[in-house]
């Protein structure tokens, strides 16, 4: 029996977390896992918090990940990563894009964006893999490909072949964006 694995994809509305979870779902289905995916929306259209849970294993009963259960948190943005750390299980890992997207309280001047978040999480004993996914996405041809760059980086933690990931990408994105997304995946995987 394989124990259920839990992945949280966290970000801000409009960053492509839905596509990332769809891609993961496709990949896991081809491997024959039982999988549950669920989304929790904040004000996603207005740049609010968006969380997607992806759970897979031999038999998964609930799509929800509780505090202390996430094996991986994949975050599109630093503050979102920090916001969800209590969901990480001991020995879990946060993969985070170092981009900073100001939430409304910061935009209107009611709060400051916290500094050195990746360093603070690491100092708290969290395994943080922080890298600049935005620059890699832009290199691939579109700032919108951050989601696929992050999936590429996540892929290093699993024993699926690169071909399996690329096949899932081909089934998840429009053909005209396939090459761009393959490049984004590859840059993320090798970052």
C-alpha atoms as a PDB file:
ATOM      1  CA  UNK A   1       0.000   0.000   0.000  1.00  0.00           C
ATOM      2  CA  UNK A   2       1.218   3.442  -0.851  1.00  0.00           C
ATOM      3  CA  UNK A   3       0.559   6.119   1.717  1.00  0.00           C
ATOM      4  CA  UNK A   4      -1.426   9.070   0.392  1.00  0.00           C
ATOM      5  CA  UNK A   5       0.721  11.984  -0.774  1.00  0.00           C
ATOM      6  CA  UNK A   6      -0.510  15.544  -0.368  1.00  0.00           C
ATOM      7  CA  UNK A   7       0.430  18.511  -2.532  1.00  0.00           C
ATOM      8  CA  UNK A   8      -0.863  22.036  -1.993  1.00  0.00           C
ATOM      9  CA  UNK A   9      -0.603  24.561  -4.807  1.00  0.00           C
ATOM     10  CA  UNK A  10      -0.958  28.073  -3.433  1.00  0.00           C
ATOM     11  CA  UNK A  11      -0.925  31.418  -5.146  1.00  0.00           C
ATOM     12  CA  UNK A  12      -2.834  34.459  -6.195  1.00  0.00           C
ATOM     13  CA  UNK A  13      -5.806  34.450  -8.553  1.00  0.00           C
ATOM     14  CA  UNK A  14      -4.903  34.350 -12.230  1.00  0.00           C
ATOM     15  CA  UNK A  15      -1.487  32.714 -11.808  1.00  0.00           C
ATOM     16  CA  UNK A  16      -2.446  29.386 -13.327  1.00  0.00           C
ATOM     17  CA  UNK A  17      -2.746  27.127 -10.296  1.00  0.00           C
ATOM     18  CA  UNK A  18      -5.745  25.450 -11.931  1.00  0.00           C
ATOM     19  CA  UNK A  19      -3.690  24.385 -14.934  1.00  0.00           C
ATOM     20  CA  UNK A  20      -0.936  23.155 -12.613  1.00  0.00           C
ATOM     21  CA  UNK A  21      -3.365  20.954 -10.666  1.00  0.00           C
ATOM     22  CA  UNK A  22      -4.984  19.682 -13.885  1.00  0.00           C
ATOM     23  CA  UNK A  23      -1.542  18.737 -15.181  1.00  0.00           C
ATOM     24  CA  UNK A  24      -0.680  16.895 -11.958  1.00  0.00           C
ATOM     25  CA  UNK A  25      -4.047  15.132 -12.031  1.00  0.00           C
ATOM     26  CA  UNK A  26      -3.508  13.895 -15.588  1.00  0.00           C
ATOM     27  CA  UNK A  27      -0.023  12.649 -14.778  1.00  0.00           C
ATOM     28  CA  UNK A  28      -1.156  10.786 -11.652  1.00  0.00           C
ATOM     29  CA  UNK A  29      -4.127   9.206 -13.427  1.00  0.00           C
ATOM     30  CA  UNK A  30      -1.849   7.717 -16.100  1.00  0.00           C
ATOM     31  CA  UNK A  31       0.079   6.055 -13.258  1.00  0.00           C
ATOM     32  CA  UNK A  32      -3.162   4.518 -11.943  1.00  0.00           C
ATOM     33  CA  UNK A  33      -3.374   6.436  -8.668  1.00  0.00           C
ATOM     34  CA  UNK A  34      -6.636   7.264  -6.960  1.00  0.00           C
ATOM     35  CA  UNK A  35      -6.639  11.043  -6.907  1.00  0.00           C
ATOM     36  CA  UNK A  36      -8.711  13.843  -5.445  1.00  0.00           C
ATOM     37  CA  UNK A  37      -8.330  17.495  -6.396  1.00  0.00           C
ATOM     38  CA  UNK A  38     -10.148  20.372  -4.765  1.00  0.00           C
ATOM     39  CA  UNK A  39      -9.884  24.118  -4.941  1.00  0.00           C
ATOM     40  CA  UNK A  40     -10.441  26.739  -2.319  1.00  0.00           C
ATOM     41  CA  UNK A  41     -10.917  30.219  -3.726  1.00  0.00           C
ATOM     42  CA  UNK A  42     -10.473  33.506  -2.022  1.00  0.00           C
ATOM     43  CA  UNK A  43     -11.213  36.528  -4.173  1.00  0.00           C
ATOM     44  CA  UNK A  44      -9.311  34.881  -6.983  1.00  0.00           C
ATOM     45  CA  UNK A  45     -10.426  37.305  -9.691  1.00  0.00           C
ATOM     46  CA  UNK A  46      -9.116  40.182  -7.603  1.00  0.00           C
ATOM     47  CA  UNK A  47      -5.694  38.774  -6.878  1.00  0.00           C
ATOM     48  CA  UNK A  48      -6.816  37.006  -3.705  1.00  0.00           C
ATOM     49  CA  UNK A  49      -5.503  33.747  -2.312  1.00  0.00           C
ATOM     50  CA  UNK A  50      -6.141  30.547  -4.280  1.00  0.00           C
ATOM     51  CA  UNK A  51      -5.363  27.090  -2.909  1.00  0.00           C
ATOM     52  CA  UNK A  52      -5.611  23.767  -4.706  1.00  0.00           C
ATOM     53  CA  UNK A  53      -5.248  20.441  -2.928  1.00  0.00           C
ATOM     54  CA  UNK A  54      -3.983  17.428  -4.881  1.00  0.00           C
ATOM     55  CA  UNK A  55      -4.053  14.109  -2.986  1.00  0.00           C
ATOM     56  CA  UNK A  56      -3.039  10.778  -4.483  1.00  0.00           C
ATOM     57  CA  UNK A  57      -2.357   7.207  -3.427  1.00  0.00           C
ATOM     58  CA  UNK A  58      -3.892   3.734  -3.567  1.00  0.00           C
ATOM     59  CA  UNK A  59      -7.191   4.981  -2.116  1.00  0.00           C
ATOM     60  CA  UNK A  60      -7.940   8.609  -1.302  1.00  0.00           C
ATOM     61  CA  UNK A  61     -11.132   9.340   0.611  1.00  0.00           C
ATOM     62  CA  UNK A  62     -11.117  13.109   0.994  1.00  0.00           C
ATOM     63  CA  UNK A  63      -9.811  15.924  -1.194  1.00  0.00           C
ATOM     64  CA  UNK A  64      -8.969  18.110   1.812  1.00  0.00           C
ATOM     65  CA  UNK A  65      -5.499  18.498   3.312  1.00  0.00           C
ATOM     66  CA  UNK A  66      -5.426  19.354   7.008  1.00  0.00           C
ATOM     67  CA  UNK A  67      -2.750  21.243   8.937  1.00  0.00           C
ATOM     68  CA  UNK A  68       0.474  19.264   9.225  1.00  0.00           C
ATOM     69  CA  UNK A  69      -0.358  16.943   6.294  1.00  0.00           C
ATOM     70  CA  UNK A  70       1.161  18.474   3.137  1.00  0.00           C
ATOM     71  CA  UNK A  71       4.178  16.670   1.705  1.00  0.00           C
ATOM     72  CA  UNK A  72       4.743  19.574  -0.691  1.00  0.00           C
ATOM     73  CA  UNK A  73       3.538  23.138  -0.876  1.00  0.00           C
ATOM     74  CA  UNK A  74       4.139  24.659  -4.298  1.00  0.00           C
ATOM     75  CA  UNK A  75       3.792  28.414  -4.031  1.00  0.00           C
ATOM     76  CA  UNK A  76       3.610  31.001  -6.795  1.00  0.00           C
ATOM     77  CA  UNK A  77       4.590  33.748  -4.394  1.00  0.00           C
ATOM     78  CA  UNK A  78       6.541  34.201  -1.118  1.00  0.00           C
ATOM     79  CA  UNK A  79       3.821  35.553   1.166  1.00  0.00           C
ATOM     80  CA  UNK A  80       1.432  32.788   0.105  1.00  0.00           C
ATOM     81  CA  UNK A  81       4.116  30.217   0.980  1.00  0.00           C
ATOM     82  CA  UNK A  82       4.542  31.763   4.432  1.00  0.00           C
ATOM     83  CA  UNK A  83       0.780  31.910   4.948  1.00  0.00           C
ATOM     84  CA  UNK A  84       0.359  28.137   4.508  1.00  0.00           C
ATOM     85  CA  UNK A  85       3.451  26.755   6.316  1.00  0.00           C
ATOM     86  CA  UNK A  86       1.395  25.235   9.158  1.00  0.00           C
ATOM     87  CA  UNK A  87      -0.062  22.797   6.604  1.00  0.00           C
ATOM     88  CA  UNK A  88       3.369  21.317   5.886  1.00  0.00           C
ATOM     89  CA  UNK A  89       4.121  17.980   7.532  1.00  0.00           C
ATOM     90  CA  UNK A  90       7.416  17.432   9.377  1.00  0.00           C
ATOM     91  CA  UNK A  91       9.946  16.631   6.651  1.00  0.00           C
ATOM     92  CA  UNK A  92       7.751  18.270   4.000  1.00  0.00           C
ATOM     93  CA  UNK A  93       9.072  20.754   1.469  1.00  0.00           C
ATOM     94  CA  UNK A  94       8.047  24.180   0.162  1.00  0.00           C
ATOM     95  CA  UNK A  95       8.884  24.983  -3.444  1.00  0.00           C
ATOM     96  CA  UNK A  96       8.438  28.705  -3.924  1.00  0.00           C
ATOM     97  CA  UNK A  97       8.773  31.308  -6.636  1.00  0.00           C
ATOM     98  CA  UNK A  98      10.666  34.259  -5.121  1.00  0.00           C
ATOM     99  CA  UNK A  99       8.340  36.738  -6.817  1.00  0.00           C
ATOM    100  CA  UNK A 100       6.485  39.119  -4.490  1.00  0.00           C
ATOM    101  CA  UNK A 101       2.901  40.092  -5.286  1.00  0.00           C
ATOM    102  CA  UNK A 102       1.552  42.749  -2.980  1.00  0.00           C
ATOM    103  CA  UNK A 103      -1.754  41.867  -1.302  1.00  0.00           C
ATOM    104  CA  UNK A 104      -4.404  44.576  -0.923  1.00  0.00           C
ATOM    105  CA  UNK A 105      -3.315  45.736   2.601  1.00  0.00           C
ATOM    106  CA  UNK A 106       0.179  46.435   1.212  1.00  0.00           C
ATOM    107  CA  UNK A 107      -1.176  48.109  -1.934  1.00  0.00           C
ATOM    108  CA  UNK A 108      -3.339  50.509   0.098  1.00  0.00           C
ATOM    109  CA  UNK A 109      -0.523  51.210   2.571  1.00  0.00           C
ATOM    110  CA  UNK A 110      -2.103  49.485   5.591  1.00  0.00           C
ATOM    111  CA  UNK A 111       0.703  46.925   5.860  1.00  0.00           C
ATOM    112  CA  UNK A 112       4.288  46.282   4.796  1.00  0.00           C
ATOM    113  CA  UNK A 113       5.338  43.285   2.717  1.00  0.00           C
ATOM    114  CA  UNK A 114       7.415  41.141   5.126  1.00  0.00           C
ATOM    115  CA  UNK A 115      11.113  40.962   4.284  1.00  0.00           C
ATOM    116  CA  UNK A 116      13.325  37.871   3.928  1.00  0.00           C
ATOM    117  CA  UNK A 117      10.431  35.418   4.003  1.00  0.00           C
ATOM    118  CA  UNK A 118      12.359  32.509   2.478  1.00  0.00           C
ATOM    119  CA  UNK A 119      15.154  32.997   5.018  1.00  0.00           C
ATOM    120  CA  UNK A 120      12.657  33.252   7.904  1.00  0.00           C
ATOM    121  CA  UNK A 121      10.912  30.015   6.855  1.00  0.00           C
ATOM    122  CA  UNK A 122      14.266  28.231   6.540  1.00  0.00           C
ATOM    123  CA  UNK A 123      15.330  29.576   9.957  1.00  0.00           C
ATOM    124  CA  UNK A 124      12.122  28.049  11.380  1.00  0.00           C
ATOM    125  CA  UNK A 125      13.374  24.646  10.220  1.00  0.00           C
ATOM    126  CA  UNK A 126      11.318  24.423   7.034  1.00  0.00           C
ATOM    127  CA  UNK A 127      12.837  22.837   3.916  1.00  0.00           C
ATOM    128  CA  UNK A 128      12.481  25.767   1.497  1.00  0.00           C
ATOM    129  CA  UNK A 129      13.440  25.509  -2.159  1.00  0.00           C
ATOM    130  CA  UNK A 130      13.137  29.132  -3.322  1.00  0.00           C
ATOM    131  CA  UNK A 131      14.029  30.188  -6.848  1.00  0.00           C
ATOM    132  CA  UNK A 132      13.105  32.818  -9.426  1.00  0.00           C
ATOM    133  CA  UNK A 133      10.468  31.023 -11.507  1.00  0.00           C
ATOM    134  CA  UNK A 134       9.264  34.276 -13.096  1.00  0.00           C
ATOM    135  CA  UNK A 135      12.594  34.934 -14.830  1.00  0.00           C
ATOM    136  CA  UNK A 136      12.666  31.347 -16.133  1.00  0.00           C
ATOM    137  CA  UNK A 137       9.060  31.632 -17.373  1.00  0.00           C
ATOM    138  CA  UNK A 138       9.932  34.864 -19.176  1.00  0.00           C
ATOM    139  CA  UNK A 139      12.984  33.127 -20.698  1.00  0.00           C
ATOM    140  CA  UNK A 140      10.655  30.359 -21.939  1.00  0.00           C
ATOM    141  CA  UNK A 141       8.534  33.003 -23.659  1.00  0.00           C
ATOM    142  CA  UNK A 142       5.781  34.057 -21.248  1.00  0.00           C
ATOM    143  CA  UNK A 143       5.563  35.333 -17.669  1.00  0.00           C
ATOM    144  CA  UNK A 144       2.350  33.288 -17.468  1.00  0.00           C
ATOM    145  CA  UNK A 145       4.353  30.035 -17.602  1.00  0.00           C
ATOM    146  CA  UNK A 146       5.436  30.329 -13.937  1.00  0.00           C
ATOM    147  CA  UNK A 147       3.003  27.495 -13.142  1.00  0.00           C
ATOM    148  CA  UNK A 148       4.753  25.099 -15.535  1.00  0.00           C
ATOM    149  CA  UNK A 149       8.213  26.198 -14.350  1.00  0.00           C
ATOM    150  CA  UNK A 150       7.081  25.339 -10.796  1.00  0.00           C
ATOM    151  CA  UNK A 151       5.741  21.955 -11.948  1.00  0.00           C
ATOM    152  CA  UNK A 152       9.116  21.308 -13.606  1.00  0.00           C
ATOM    153  CA  UNK A 153      10.852  22.041 -10.317  1.00  0.00           C
ATOM    154  CA  UNK A 154       8.401  19.856  -8.376  1.00  0.00           C
ATOM    155  CA  UNK A 155       8.970  17.014 -10.856  1.00  0.00           C
ATOM    156  CA  UNK A 156      12.480  16.464  -9.482  1.00  0.00           C
ATOM    157  CA  UNK A 157      10.923  15.077  -6.294  1.00  0.00           C
ATOM    158  CA  UNK A 158       9.025  12.251  -8.017  1.00  0.00           C
ATOM    159  CA  UNK A 159      10.033   9.173  -9.963  1.00  0.00           C
ATOM    160  CA  UNK A 160       7.879   9.944 -13.016  1.00  0.00           C
ATOM    161  CA  UNK A 161       9.868  10.212 -16.238  1.00  0.00           C
ATOM    162  CA  UNK A 162      10.277  13.513 -18.025  1.00  0.00           C
ATOM    163  CA  UNK A 163       8.328  11.950 -20.940  1.00  0.00           C
ATOM    164  CA  UNK A 164       5.356  11.271 -18.626  1.00  0.00           C
ATOM    165  CA  UNK A 165       5.342  14.899 -17.474  1.00  0.00           C
ATOM    166  CA  UNK A 166       5.656  16.207 -21.053  1.00  0.00           C
ATOM    167  CA  UNK A 167       2.776  13.979 -22.164  1.00  0.00           C
ATOM    168  CA  UNK A 168       0.598  15.406 -19.366  1.00  0.00           C
ATOM    169  CA  UNK A 169       1.582  18.930 -20.464  1.00  0.00           C
ATOM    170  CA  UNK A 170       0.657  18.100 -24.078  1.00  0.00           C
ATOM    171  CA  UNK A 171      -2.789  16.963 -22.855  1.00  0.00           C
ATOM    172  CA  UNK A 172      -3.269  20.051 -20.670  1.00  0.00           C
ATOM    173  CA  UNK A 173      -2.264  23.062 -22.784  1.00  0.00           C
ATOM    174  CA  UNK A 174      -3.431  24.336 -26.199  1.00  0.00           C
ATOM    175  CA  UNK A 175      -1.142  23.070 -29.028  1.00  0.00           C
ATOM    176  CA  UNK A 176       0.040  26.595 -29.892  1.00  0.00           C
ATOM    177  CA  UNK A 177       1.531  26.941 -26.378  1.00  0.00           C
ATOM    178  CA  UNK A 178       3.015  23.440 -26.187  1.00  0.00           C
ATOM    179  CA  UNK A 179       6.637  24.291 -27.083  1.00  0.00           C
ATOM    180  CA  UNK A 180       6.693  27.279 -24.730  1.00  0.00           C
ATOM    181  CA  UNK A 181       5.380  25.100 -21.876  1.00  0.00           C
ATOM    182  CA  UNK A 182       7.834  22.285 -22.625  1.00  0.00           C
ATOM    183  CA  UNK A 183      10.662  24.831 -22.428  1.00  0.00           C
ATOM    184  CA  UNK A 184       9.239  26.276 -19.175  1.00  0.00           C
ATOM    185  CA  UNK A 185       9.017  22.767 -17.680  1.00  0.00           C
ATOM    186  CA  UNK A 186      12.590  21.964 -18.665  1.00  0.00           C
ATOM    187  CA  UNK A 187      13.941  25.242 -17.232  1.00  0.00           C
ATOM    188  CA  UNK A 188      12.111  24.583 -13.966  1.00  0.00           C
ATOM    189  CA  UNK A 189      13.276  20.970 -13.777  1.00  0.00           C
ATOM    190  CA  UNK A 190      16.905  22.041 -14.218  1.00  0.00           C
ATOM    191  CA  UNK A 191      16.786  25.167 -12.029  1.00  0.00           C
END
